[in-house]
Protein backbone atom coordinates (compact mmCIF):
# COMPACT_ATOMS: atom_id res chain seq x y z
CA UNK A 1 126.46 87.57 119.94
CA UNK A 2 127.69 89.60 116.97
CA UNK A 3 128.31 88.81 113.36
CA UNK A 4 130.55 90.62 110.91
CA UNK A 5 129.44 92.03 107.56
CA UNK A 6 132.13 93.06 105.11
CA UNK A 7 131.09 95.26 102.19
CA UNK A 8 133.49 95.37 99.25
CA UNK A 9 131.56 97.32 96.62
CA UNK A 10 130.91 101.00 97.17
CA UNK A 11 132.60 104.39 97.19
CA UNK A 12 133.67 106.66 100.03
CA UNK A 13 133.43 110.30 98.93
CA UNK A 14 135.75 112.18 101.25
CA UNK A 15 134.79 115.85 101.44
CA UNK A 16 136.14 118.91 103.22
CA UNK A 17 134.03 120.12 106.13
CA UNK A 18 133.63 117.30 108.63
CA UNK A 19 131.94 118.53 111.82
CA UNK A 20 134.19 119.13 114.82
CA UNK A 21 133.03 117.32 117.94
CA UNK A 22 131.72 120.48 119.55
CA UNK A 23 128.02 120.91 120.30
CA UNK A 24 126.41 124.33 120.61
CA UNK A 25 123.10 124.51 122.47
CA UNK A 26 121.01 126.85 120.35
CA UNK A 27 117.84 128.57 121.55
CA UNK A 28 114.61 127.20 120.09
CA UNK A 29 113.90 128.68 116.67
CA UNK A 30 111.11 131.26 116.83
CA UNK A 31 109.15 129.67 113.98
CA UNK A 32 109.01 126.00 113.01
CA UNK A 33 107.55 124.69 109.75
CA UNK A 34 106.26 121.12 109.52
CA UNK A 35 105.99 119.89 105.91
CA UNK A 36 103.67 116.96 105.13
CA UNK A 37 105.86 116.17 102.11
CA UNK A 38 108.53 114.92 104.54
CA UNK A 39 106.22 111.96 105.18
CA UNK A 40 106.18 110.36 101.76
CA UNK A 41 102.86 108.92 100.62
CA UNK A 42 100.83 110.58 103.38
CA UNK A 43 97.73 112.63 102.56
CA UNK A 44 97.30 114.88 105.61
CA UNK A 45 94.00 115.70 107.29
CA UNK A 46 94.29 118.75 109.52
CA UNK A 47 93.53 118.67 113.21
CA UNK A 48 95.10 121.96 114.34
CA UNK A 49 93.63 125.12 112.84
CA UNK A 50 95.15 128.57 112.43
CA UNK A 51 95.39 130.54 115.71
CA UNK A 52 95.20 127.28 117.70
CA UNK A 53 97.42 126.92 120.78
CA UNK A 54 99.16 123.54 120.89
CA UNK A 55 101.59 121.71 123.13
CA UNK A 56 104.72 119.81 122.07
CA UNK A 57 103.54 116.34 121.14
CA UNK A 58 100.01 117.41 120.27
CA UNK A 59 98.84 116.22 116.85
CA UNK A 60 98.82 118.67 113.93
CA UNK A 61 97.32 116.28 111.38
CA UNK A 62 96.70 112.60 110.72
CA UNK A 63 96.96 110.30 107.73
CA UNK A 64 93.90 110.10 105.54
CA UNK A 65 94.61 106.39 104.94
CA UNK A 66 94.79 105.56 108.67
CA UNK A 67 93.54 108.11 111.19
CA UNK A 68 95.49 106.37 113.96
CA UNK A 69 98.79 107.66 112.51
CA UNK A 70 99.24 111.10 114.05
CA UNK A 71 101.89 113.71 113.27
CA UNK A 72 102.77 115.84 116.30
CA UNK A 73 104.16 119.30 116.76
CA UNK A 74 107.77 119.32 117.99
CA UNK A 75 107.13 122.54 119.95
CA UNK A 76 104.41 124.30 121.89
CA UNK A 77 103.07 127.52 120.50
CA UNK A 78 100.54 129.07 118.14
CA UNK A 79 99.73 127.82 114.64
CA UNK A 80 100.25 131.07 112.76
CA UNK A 81 99.83 129.90 109.16
CA UNK A 82 98.70 126.95 107.05
CA UNK A 83 100.57 127.36 103.75
CA UNK A 84 98.70 125.79 100.83
CA UNK A 85 99.71 125.09 97.25
CA UNK A 86 97.87 123.99 94.12
CA UNK A 87 94.44 122.40 94.76
CA UNK A 88 94.73 123.56 98.38
CA UNK A 89 97.47 121.02 99.08
CA UNK A 90 98.99 121.60 102.51
CA UNK A 91 102.60 122.67 101.98
CA UNK A 92 103.62 123.83 105.47
CA UNK A 93 102.22 124.29 108.94
CA UNK A 94 104.00 127.19 110.64
CA UNK A 95 104.14 127.38 114.42
CA UNK A 96 105.29 130.33 116.53
CA UNK A 97 107.14 128.87 119.51
CA UNK A 98 106.26 129.73 123.09
CA UNK A 99 109.02 131.19 125.23
CA UNK A 100 108.35 128.50 127.83
CA UNK A 101 107.76 125.11 126.27
CA UNK A 102 104.87 122.93 127.41
CA UNK A 103 104.59 119.22 126.65
CA UNK A 104 101.60 116.98 126.26
CA UNK A 105 101.68 114.36 129.03
CA UNK A 106 101.58 110.81 127.65
CA UNK A 107 102.47 109.25 131.02
CA UNK A 108 105.46 107.07 131.86
CA UNK A 109 105.18 103.46 130.81
CA UNK A 110 106.45 100.16 132.17
CA UNK A 111 107.59 98.89 128.79
CA UNK A 112 108.72 95.45 129.97
CA UNK A 113 105.20 94.56 131.09
CA UNK A 114 103.39 96.04 128.09
CA UNK A 115 101.88 93.83 125.39
CA UNK A 116 102.31 94.17 121.64
CA UNK A 117 98.98 95.97 121.26
CA UNK A 118 99.67 98.30 124.19
CA UNK A 119 103.04 99.38 122.79
CA UNK A 120 101.58 99.89 119.32
CA UNK A 121 98.59 101.87 120.64
CA UNK A 122 100.86 104.09 122.75
CA UNK A 123 103.26 104.85 119.89
CA UNK A 124 100.33 105.69 117.62
CA UNK A 125 98.63 107.94 120.17
CA UNK A 126 101.84 109.80 121.05
CA UNK A 127 102.82 110.57 117.46
CA UNK A 128 105.94 108.39 117.49
CA UNK A 129 104.67 105.94 114.86
CA UNK A 130 105.98 108.03 111.88
CA UNK A 131 109.51 107.21 113.13
CA UNK A 132 108.95 103.58 112.13
CA UNK A 133 109.38 102.94 108.41
CA UNK A 134 109.05 99.76 106.42
CA UNK A 135 110.50 97.84 103.54
CA UNK A 136 109.15 97.30 100.98
CA UNK A 137 108.30 100.76 99.58
CA UNK A 138 110.26 102.89 102.10
CA UNK A 139 107.16 104.48 103.64
CA UNK A 140 105.77 104.84 107.17
CA UNK A 141 105.04 101.37 108.51
CA UNK A 142 101.54 99.99 108.27
CA UNK A 143 100.50 99.20 111.88
CA UNK A 144 98.28 96.39 110.60
CA UNK A 145 101.32 94.41 109.38
CA UNK A 146 103.60 92.22 111.46
CA UNK A 147 107.30 92.62 110.59
CA UNK A 148 109.54 89.58 110.38
CA UNK A 149 112.37 91.69 111.85
CA UNK A 150 113.30 95.26 112.80
CA UNK A 151 116.55 96.89 111.67
CA UNK A 152 118.54 99.77 113.15
CA UNK A 153 121.70 101.06 111.52
CA UNK A 154 124.00 102.48 114.17
CA UNK A 155 126.64 103.26 111.55
CA UNK A 156 126.57 106.19 109.12
CA UNK A 157 128.80 105.99 106.06
CA UNK A 158 127.32 108.82 103.93
CA UNK A 159 129.63 111.76 103.09
CA UNK A 160 130.21 114.00 106.14
CA UNK A 161 127.49 112.24 108.14
CA UNK A 162 127.46 112.94 111.86
CA UNK A 163 129.25 110.59 114.23
CA UNK A 164 126.52 108.56 115.96
CA UNK A 165 128.86 107.49 118.75
CA UNK A 166 129.23 111.18 119.60
CA UNK A 167 125.63 112.33 119.11
CA UNK A 168 124.16 109.39 121.05
CA UNK A 169 126.62 109.56 123.94
CA UNK A 170 124.78 109.36 127.25
CA UNK A 171 121.55 108.14 125.64
CA UNK A 172 121.97 104.47 126.55
CA UNK A 173 118.89 104.42 128.81
CA UNK A 174 116.63 105.88 126.12
CA UNK A 175 118.04 103.51 123.50
CA UNK A 176 117.48 100.48 125.73
CA UNK A 177 113.90 101.54 126.46
CA UNK A 178 113.25 102.00 122.74
CA UNK A 179 114.76 98.59 121.97
CA UNK A 180 112.57 96.97 124.63
CA UNK A 181 109.50 98.50 123.00
CA UNK A 182 110.55 97.34 119.51
CA UNK A 183 111.01 93.76 120.70
CA UNK A 184 107.30 93.79 121.55
CA UNK A 185 106.37 94.66 117.98
CA UNK A 186 107.97 91.67 116.24
CA UNK A 187 108.29 87.94 116.78
CA UNK A 188 111.62 88.13 114.97
CA UNK A 189 114.89 89.79 115.92
CA UNK A 190 115.87 93.42 116.35
CA UNK A 191 119.04 93.73 114.27
CA UNK A 192 121.50 96.51 115.09
CA UNK A 193 124.57 97.24 112.96
CA UNK A 194 127.60 99.20 114.17
CA UNK A 195 130.97 100.13 112.70
CA UNK A 196 133.49 97.30 113.06
CA UNK A 197 136.24 99.75 114.01
CA UNK A 198 134.32 101.64 116.70
CA UNK A 199 134.48 100.50 120.32
CA UNK A 200 132.42 103.28 121.92
CA UNK A 201 129.07 102.58 120.26
CA UNK A 202 126.21 102.95 122.79
CA UNK A 203 124.56 99.89 121.21
CA UNK A 204 127.28 97.41 122.15
CA UNK A 205 126.00 96.64 125.64
CA UNK A 206 122.25 96.80 125.01
CA UNK A 207 119.96 93.84 125.62
CA UNK A 208 117.43 92.34 123.23
CA UNK A 209 119.36 92.93 120.01
CA UNK A 210 121.25 90.93 117.42
CA UNK A 211 124.48 92.90 116.96
CA UNK A 212 126.29 93.06 113.62
CA UNK A 213 129.63 94.75 112.95
CA UNK A 214 129.90 96.32 109.51
CA UNK A 215 132.97 97.39 107.55
CA UNK A 216 133.53 98.69 104.06
CA UNK A 217 132.86 101.77 101.94
CA UNK A 218 129.56 103.62 101.60
CA UNK A 219 126.77 102.41 101.38
CA UNK A 220 127.81 99.98 104.16
CA UNK A 221 125.87 102.18 106.59
CA UNK A 222 122.64 102.10 104.56
CA UNK A 223 120.06 99.88 106.22
CA UNK A 224 119.09 98.30 102.87
CA UNK A 225 122.65 97.03 102.48
CA UNK A 226 122.49 95.46 105.92
CA UNK A 227 119.06 93.90 105.30
CA UNK A 228 120.35 92.39 102.06
CA UNK A 229 123.27 90.74 103.88
CA UNK A 230 121.42 89.71 107.08
CA UNK A 231 117.82 88.80 106.19
CA UNK A 232 116.74 89.60 102.60
CA UNK A 233 113.10 90.48 101.94
CA UNK A 234 110.96 88.16 99.83
CA UNK A 235 107.55 88.86 98.35
CA UNK A 236 104.92 89.13 101.07
CA UNK A 237 107.44 89.88 103.83
CA UNK A 238 107.80 93.14 105.73
CA UNK A 239 110.62 94.54 107.85
CA UNK A 240 110.55 97.74 109.88
CA UNK A 241 113.32 100.31 110.23
CA UNK A 242 114.08 102.89 112.93
CA UNK A 243 116.99 105.32 112.95
CA UNK A 244 119.02 105.67 116.19
CA UNK A 245 118.08 109.34 116.69
CA UNK A 246 114.39 108.53 116.37
CA UNK A 247 114.80 105.56 118.70
CA UNK A 248 116.03 107.99 121.38
CA UNK A 249 112.82 110.02 120.99
CA UNK A 250 110.72 106.86 121.40
CA UNK A 251 112.73 105.78 124.43
CA UNK A 252 112.47 109.18 126.13
CA UNK A 253 108.71 109.24 125.55
CA UNK A 254 108.35 105.89 127.33
CA UNK A 255 110.63 106.94 130.20
CA UNK A 256 109.27 110.45 130.81
CA UNK A 257 105.88 110.63 129.10
CA UNK A 258 107.06 113.62 127.02
CA UNK A 259 107.51 113.88 123.26
CA UNK A 260 110.93 115.51 123.02
CA UNK A 261 112.12 115.68 119.41
CA UNK A 262 115.29 117.68 120.13
CA UNK A 263 118.30 116.17 118.39
CA UNK A 264 121.90 116.98 117.57
CA UNK A 265 122.39 118.26 114.04
CA UNK A 266 125.73 118.14 112.20
CA UNK A 267 126.61 121.32 110.28
CA UNK A 268 128.97 120.05 107.58
CA UNK A 269 130.59 121.15 104.35
CA UNK A 270 133.26 123.53 103.15
CA UNK A 271 130.95 126.57 103.17
CA UNK A 272 130.64 126.54 106.96
CA UNK A 273 133.26 128.63 108.74
CA UNK A 274 133.23 126.18 111.66
CA UNK A 275 131.62 122.82 110.90
CA UNK A 276 130.19 121.59 114.20
CA UNK A 277 127.14 120.13 115.94
CA UNK A 278 124.12 122.11 117.15
CA UNK A 279 120.88 121.20 118.91
CA UNK A 280 117.62 121.67 117.01
CA UNK A 281 114.05 120.49 116.61
CA UNK A 282 112.48 119.25 113.35
CA UNK A 283 111.16 122.12 111.28
CA UNK A 284 113.57 124.70 112.73
CA UNK A 285 114.50 127.58 110.44
CA UNK A 286 117.79 127.06 108.64
CA UNK A 287 118.89 130.65 109.21
CA UNK A 288 118.58 130.19 112.97
CA UNK A 289 120.79 127.10 112.88
CA UNK A 290 123.57 128.40 110.64
CA UNK A 291 123.46 132.00 111.98
CA UNK A 292 126.81 133.72 111.25
CA UNK A 293 128.62 130.45 110.58
CA UNK A 294 127.78 130.20 106.87
CA UNK A 295 129.56 131.61 103.84
CA UNK A 296 126.34 132.42 101.98
CA UNK A 297 127.95 133.53 98.72
CA UNK A 298 127.31 131.03 95.91
CA UNK A 299 126.32 128.28 98.34
CA UNK A 300 124.03 125.26 98.06
CA UNK A 301 122.35 124.41 101.38
CA UNK A 302 121.16 120.82 101.74
CA UNK A 303 118.95 119.40 104.48
CA UNK A 304 120.59 116.00 104.78
CA UNK A 305 123.73 114.68 103.10
CA UNK A 306 125.06 115.57 99.65
CA UNK A 307 123.89 112.32 98.06
CA UNK A 308 120.28 112.04 99.21
CA UNK A 309 119.41 115.31 100.96
CA UNK A 310 117.05 118.05 99.74
CA UNK A 311 118.01 121.53 98.57
CA UNK A 312 116.70 124.24 100.89
CA UNK A 313 117.00 128.02 101.04
CA UNK A 314 118.34 130.03 103.95
CA UNK A 315 114.69 130.82 104.76
CA UNK A 316 113.72 127.14 104.58
CA UNK A 317 113.36 124.63 107.40
CA UNK A 318 115.07 121.48 108.63
CA UNK A 319 113.53 118.25 107.35
CA UNK A 320 111.56 116.22 109.91
CA UNK A 321 113.91 113.21 109.68
CA UNK A 322 117.16 115.05 108.92
CA UNK A 323 120.14 115.11 111.30
CA UNK A 324 122.54 116.99 109.06
CA UNK A 325 122.79 120.28 107.18
CA UNK A 326 125.39 120.41 104.42
CA UNK A 327 126.68 123.54 102.69
CA UNK A 328 128.88 123.20 99.59
CA UNK A 329 129.73 125.51 96.66
CA UNK A 330 127.05 125.92 94.02
CA UNK A 331 128.17 124.35 90.73
CA UNK A 332 127.26 127.13 88.34
CA UNK A 333 130.64 127.38 86.63
CA UNK A 334 131.69 125.41 83.58
CA UNK A 335 135.14 124.32 82.45
CA UNK A 336 136.05 124.73 78.82
CA UNK A 337 137.14 121.34 77.42
CA UNK A 338 136.85 119.95 80.96
CA UNK A 339 136.28 116.45 79.61
CA UNK A 340 139.56 116.44 77.71
CA UNK A 341 142.21 117.39 80.26
CA UNK A 342 143.68 115.87 83.44
CA UNK A 343 141.55 116.44 86.54
CA UNK A 344 143.06 116.50 90.03
CA UNK A 345 140.29 118.05 92.15
CA UNK A 346 137.34 115.76 91.51
CA UNK A 347 136.28 112.27 92.58
CA UNK A 348 135.77 109.60 89.96
CA UNK A 349 135.63 105.81 89.75
CA UNK A 350 137.24 106.04 86.32
CA UNK A 351 140.98 106.42 85.84
CA UNK A 352 140.59 108.24 82.52
CA UNK A 353 141.98 111.76 83.02
CA UNK A 354 141.18 111.61 86.76
CA UNK A 355 143.59 110.93 89.59
CA UNK A 356 141.49 110.72 92.77
CA UNK A 357 142.33 106.99 92.96
CA UNK A 358 145.96 107.94 93.58
CA UNK A 359 145.04 109.85 96.77
CA UNK A 360 142.62 107.63 98.74
CA UNK A 361 142.83 109.79 101.88
CA UNK A 362 142.55 113.18 100.20
CA UNK A 363 139.49 115.30 101.02
CA UNK A 364 137.89 117.17 98.13
CA UNK A 365 135.96 120.44 97.98
CA UNK A 366 133.34 119.44 95.42
CA UNK A 367 130.52 121.61 94.10
CA UNK A 368 127.08 120.67 92.76
CA UNK A 369 128.06 120.67 89.07
CA UNK A 370 126.99 117.42 87.37
CA UNK A 371 129.88 117.71 84.87
CA UNK A 372 127.70 116.56 81.98
CA UNK A 373 124.23 116.62 80.51
CA UNK A 374 121.24 114.31 80.64
CA UNK A 375 121.32 111.58 77.99
CA UNK A 376 120.19 108.00 77.39
CA UNK A 377 121.61 105.26 79.63
CA UNK A 378 125.12 104.18 78.65
CA UNK A 379 126.23 100.70 79.75
CA UNK A 380 129.65 101.13 81.33
CA UNK A 381 129.59 98.68 84.25
CA UNK A 382 130.29 101.45 86.77
CA UNK A 383 126.98 100.99 88.60
CA UNK A 384 127.90 97.47 89.66
CA UNK A 385 131.21 98.70 91.11
CA UNK A 386 129.48 100.87 93.72
CA UNK A 387 126.28 98.86 94.30
CA UNK A 388 126.76 96.08 96.90
CA UNK A 389 123.23 94.62 96.87
CA UNK A 390 122.62 91.35 95.01
CA UNK A 391 120.54 93.24 92.45
CA UNK A 392 121.17 94.40 88.88
CA UNK A 393 121.00 98.21 89.23
CA UNK A 394 120.77 99.18 85.55
CA UNK A 395 118.10 96.60 84.78
CA UNK A 396 115.95 97.58 87.76
CA UNK A 397 116.18 101.25 86.81
CA UNK A 398 115.03 100.47 83.28
CA UNK A 399 112.17 98.30 84.50
CA UNK A 400 110.97 101.27 86.58
CA UNK A 401 111.13 103.53 83.55
CA UNK A 402 108.94 101.28 81.41
CA UNK A 403 106.77 100.30 84.41
CA UNK A 404 107.01 96.52 84.15
CA UNK A 405 105.71 95.46 87.57
CA UNK A 406 106.54 91.77 87.12
CA UNK A 407 110.12 92.56 86.19
CA UNK A 408 110.45 95.07 89.03
CA UNK A 409 109.35 92.36 91.46
CA UNK A 410 111.69 89.77 90.00
CA UNK A 411 114.68 92.12 90.09
CA UNK A 412 114.33 92.97 93.80
CA UNK A 413 112.35 96.19 94.20
CA UNK A 414 111.03 95.01 97.57
CA UNK A 415 114.49 95.49 99.12
CA UNK A 416 115.49 98.93 97.88
CA UNK A 417 114.91 102.57 98.75
CA UNK A 418 115.85 105.65 96.70
CA UNK A 419 118.95 106.34 98.84
CA UNK A 420 120.43 103.00 97.75
CA UNK A 421 120.84 104.44 94.25
CA UNK A 422 122.50 107.69 95.33
CA UNK A 423 125.97 106.38 94.47
CA UNK A 424 124.93 104.97 91.10
CA UNK A 425 123.44 108.40 90.36
CA UNK A 426 126.72 110.03 91.39
CA UNK A 427 128.83 107.90 89.02
CA UNK A 428 126.26 107.86 86.18
CA UNK A 429 127.80 109.23 82.97
CA UNK A 430 124.26 109.63 81.59
CA UNK A 431 123.23 111.98 84.43
CA UNK A 432 119.96 110.14 85.00
CA UNK A 433 117.97 110.90 88.21
CA UNK A 434 118.23 107.39 89.70
CA UNK A 435 116.64 108.19 93.07
CA UNK A 436 113.64 109.84 91.42
CA UNK A 437 113.21 106.87 89.08
CA UNK A 438 113.26 104.39 91.99
CA UNK A 439 110.88 106.51 94.06
CA UNK A 440 108.37 106.60 91.22
CA UNK A 441 108.76 102.85 90.71
CA UNK A 442 108.12 102.15 94.40
CA UNK A 443 105.06 104.41 94.38
CA UNK A 444 103.69 102.56 91.35
CA UNK A 445 104.18 99.18 93.05
CA UNK A 446 102.52 100.43 96.24
CA UNK A 447 99.53 101.68 94.25
CA UNK A 448 99.14 98.62 92.02
CA UNK A 449 100.27 95.80 94.33
CA UNK A 450 100.03 97.25 97.83
């Protein structure tokens, strides 16, 4: 059974640099860096020490709040450095990869005959639990909670996002095994959303799911949008979320007993000579992935997509959850009287001096310039045009700023994540950091309400 979801509000930002459907198998990066900051809200407690020899899947650290939640190494090798910041905060754990990779053996499992507790215990022990996130708060799921449903978005609508139908091709067995495991963790449904117009999705013929077909502009592919339309979250309720790429890792672990975090990464953006797909592991060095394919002059490298990704340097590393590297021109140039002349090469929801609405299929080569300065919120009504959730975006942003917990609850903070406000941030004439505001609001609610 499938149900259709049609999203009307939103904005598709069409950019130059979509990845060609060519995958290059890259050798394993010599050094991988695992950053605890990728796991928001986690205070790490080290297990692996410097000079230690570890296997792929062996735990590097655990969560101070719950020692059952382990964070594994994606590779085997030697821990060569623990990088620390202020107050000895762990910034990075650097691992020198072995030439021949060795994996921790977690044993094959008969998922169909496993109980809820057995599946949960196995995912915790193998380091796969961090792949399960929760709403509310957009943090790693609390294993003590029982979700009313689990959501998987098999449709990416973010700018230049990789094609899941391509990257997941041939992974049907792993996906089905992962789905079978997830059905053990909830008494509710496992909801999977796919693109209405795609017929090759590997999710279409899987068992144990409630299939939904989604259409419309971005953020139709955001899981929060789908939750809002399928099964909204009320106070006291919890839903869990797993991305398709992470579901493959869970499925392969159950089928083979090995923690294999290798995934296909989309290299996108106008600053790549040949936008394409490459294989990589979390924490791989950016320079090893982009090699000679990048125009490094005046370039912004982003681990993730242009709306919600993180800026990284060429010497930085791939984010633990990221499946995309984007390279676009750095916006360090300024146009004299740019606000007072016709503009043909930029995207805007307004028709004042801009003409992108006349060319709906045109692809733009945008840079990182914000085209304005930070100022107080201006009420223009543009947020509501690109925000499809049944929530007042401006009001919820303001409630986060003045930290009114009751109002934040009433306005729907339990349903949102920072990425849901990426488009409102993009169209904001006041240049306010919407995602940062929402993240701080969610952290406050988690601390005060729990």
